[in-house]
Amino acid sequence: MSRECEMCGKKPQVGNHVSHSNIKTKRVFNPNLQRVRHQFANGEVRTICVCTRCLRSGRVTKPVVRKAE
């Protein structure tokens, strides 16, 4: 599984750890990905990995869960 949002394409970014003495070492900022069930426009339901920004902004439409009778 790649660390990429399937909605917006957000990927890990590279930056620096900066210590108190200003020594810089490389680090990685990973996106906050969540596995969630998404219902596409054609009615297909699939589990995808999306970032929390896409979840919060409403880009993901969750399927309606029917209760068993």
C-alpha atoms as a PDB file:
ATOM      1  CA  MET A   1       0.000   0.000   0.000  1.00  0.00           C
ATOM      2  CA  SER A   2       1.472   3.325  -1.015  1.00  0.00           C
ATOM      3  CA  ARG A   3       1.104   6.273   1.327  1.00  0.00           C
ATOM      4  CA  GLU A   4      -0.991   8.344  -1.045  1.00  0.00           C
ATOM      5  CA  CYS A   5      -4.494   9.763  -0.739  1.00  0.00           C
ATOM      6  CA  GLU A   6      -6.712   8.294  -3.459  1.00  0.00           C
ATOM      7  CA  MET A   7      -8.799  11.482  -3.644  1.00  0.00           C
ATOM      8  CA  CYS A   8      -6.311  14.353  -3.746  1.00  0.00           C
ATOM      9  CA  GLY A   9      -3.014  12.523  -4.343  1.00  0.00           C
ATOM     10  CA  LYS A  10      -1.322  13.806  -1.189  1.00  0.00           C
ATOM     11  CA  LYS A  11       2.022  11.999  -0.636  1.00  0.00           C
ATOM     12  CA  PRO A  12       4.803  12.031   1.996  1.00  0.00           C
ATOM     13  CA  GLN A  13       6.923  15.178   2.067  1.00  0.00           C
ATOM     14  CA  VAL A  14      10.570  15.461   3.072  1.00  0.00           C
ATOM     15  CA  GLY A  15      11.861  17.989   5.573  1.00  0.00           C
ATOM     16  CA  ASN A  16      14.347  18.414   8.401  1.00  0.00           C
ATOM     17  CA  HIS A  17      14.456  17.611  12.097  1.00  0.00           C
ATOM     18  CA  VAL A  18      15.993  20.705  13.659  1.00  0.00           C
ATOM     19  CA  SER A  19      17.560  20.148  17.065  1.00  0.00           C
ATOM     20  CA  HIS A  20      18.090  22.723  19.793  1.00  0.00           C
ATOM     21  CA  SER A  21      21.688  23.122  18.578  1.00  0.00           C
ATOM     22  CA  ASN A  22      20.364  23.697  15.019  1.00  0.00           C
ATOM     23  CA  ILE A  23      21.631  20.358  13.646  1.00  0.00           C
ATOM     24  CA  LYS A  24      19.468  19.296  10.700  1.00  0.00           C
ATOM     25  CA  THR A  25      18.686  15.677   9.801  1.00  0.00           C
ATOM     26  CA  LYS A  26      16.206  14.407   7.217  1.00  0.00           C
ATOM     27  CA  ARG A  27      12.702  13.314   8.198  1.00  0.00           C
ATOM     28  CA  VAL A  28       9.440  12.414   6.466  1.00  0.00           C
ATOM     29  CA  PHE A  29       6.026  14.016   6.972  1.00  0.00           C
ATOM     30  CA  ASN A  30       3.445  11.320   6.183  1.00  0.00           C
ATOM     31  CA  PRO A  31      -0.176  12.243   5.394  1.00  0.00           C
ATOM     32  CA  ASN A  32      -2.801  11.158   7.917  1.00  0.00           C
ATOM     33  CA  LEU A  33      -4.494   8.403   5.886  1.00  0.00           C
ATOM     34  CA  GLN A  34      -7.627   6.540   6.936  1.00  0.00           C
ATOM     35  CA  ARG A  35      -9.177   3.472   5.330  1.00  0.00           C
ATOM     36  CA  VAL A  36     -12.842   4.246   4.649  1.00  0.00           C
ATOM     37  CA  ARG A  37     -15.659   2.780   2.539  1.00  0.00           C
ATOM     38  CA  HIS A  38     -16.590   5.132  -0.304  1.00  0.00           C
ATOM     39  CA  GLN A  39     -19.599   5.017  -2.622  1.00  0.00           C
ATOM     40  CA  PHE A  40     -18.771   6.220  -6.134  1.00  0.00           C
ATOM     41  CA  ALA A  41     -21.219   8.007  -8.441  1.00  0.00           C
ATOM     42  CA  ASN A  42     -22.020   4.772 -10.309  1.00  0.00           C
ATOM     43  CA  GLY A  43     -23.070   3.067  -7.042  1.00  0.00           C
ATOM     44  CA  GLU A  44     -19.895   1.019  -6.565  1.00  0.00           C
ATOM     45  CA  VAL A  45     -18.705   0.721  -2.955  1.00  0.00           C
ATOM     46  CA  ARG A  46     -14.975   0.274  -2.336  1.00  0.00           C
ATOM     47  CA  THR A  47     -12.563   0.714   0.575  1.00  0.00           C
ATOM     48  CA  ILE A  48     -10.040   3.440  -0.195  1.00  0.00           C
ATOM     49  CA  CYS A  49      -7.286   5.300   1.673  1.00  0.00           C
ATOM     50  CA  VAL A  50      -7.997   8.999   2.021  1.00  0.00           C
ATOM     51  CA  CYS A  51      -6.436  11.794   4.044  1.00  0.00           C
ATOM     52  CA  THR A  52      -8.361  13.411   6.874  1.00  0.00           C
ATOM     53  CA  ARG A  53      -8.572  16.689   4.922  1.00  0.00           C
ATOM     54  CA  CYS A  54     -10.662  14.939   2.225  1.00  0.00           C
ATOM     55  CA  LEU A  55     -12.845  13.266   4.874  1.00  0.00           C
ATOM     56  CA  ARG A  56     -13.484  16.564   6.628  1.00  0.00           C
ATOM     57  CA  SER A  57     -14.211  18.518   3.452  1.00  0.00           C
ATOM     58  CA  GLY A  58     -16.870  16.025   2.329  1.00  0.00           C
ATOM     59  CA  ARG A  59     -15.156  14.604  -0.746  1.00  0.00           C
ATOM     60  CA  VAL A  60     -15.923  11.084   0.495  1.00  0.00           C
ATOM     61  CA  THR A  61     -19.531   9.895   0.382  1.00  0.00           C
ATOM     62  CA  LYS A  62     -20.075   7.024   2.763  1.00  0.00           C
ATOM     63  CA  PRO A  63     -22.569   4.320   1.762  1.00  0.00           C
ATOM     64  CA  VAL A  64     -25.863   3.992   3.620  1.00  0.00           C
ATOM     65  CA  VAL A  65     -25.761   0.999   5.965  1.00  0.00           C
ATOM     66  CA  ARG A  66     -29.038  -0.916   6.100  1.00  0.00           C
ATOM     67  CA  LYS A  67     -29.932  -2.711   9.315  1.00  0.00           C
ATOM     68  CA  ALA A  68     -30.816  -6.389   9.087  1.00  0.00           C
ATOM     69  CA  GLU A  69     -34.492  -7.091   9.709  1.00  0.00           C
END
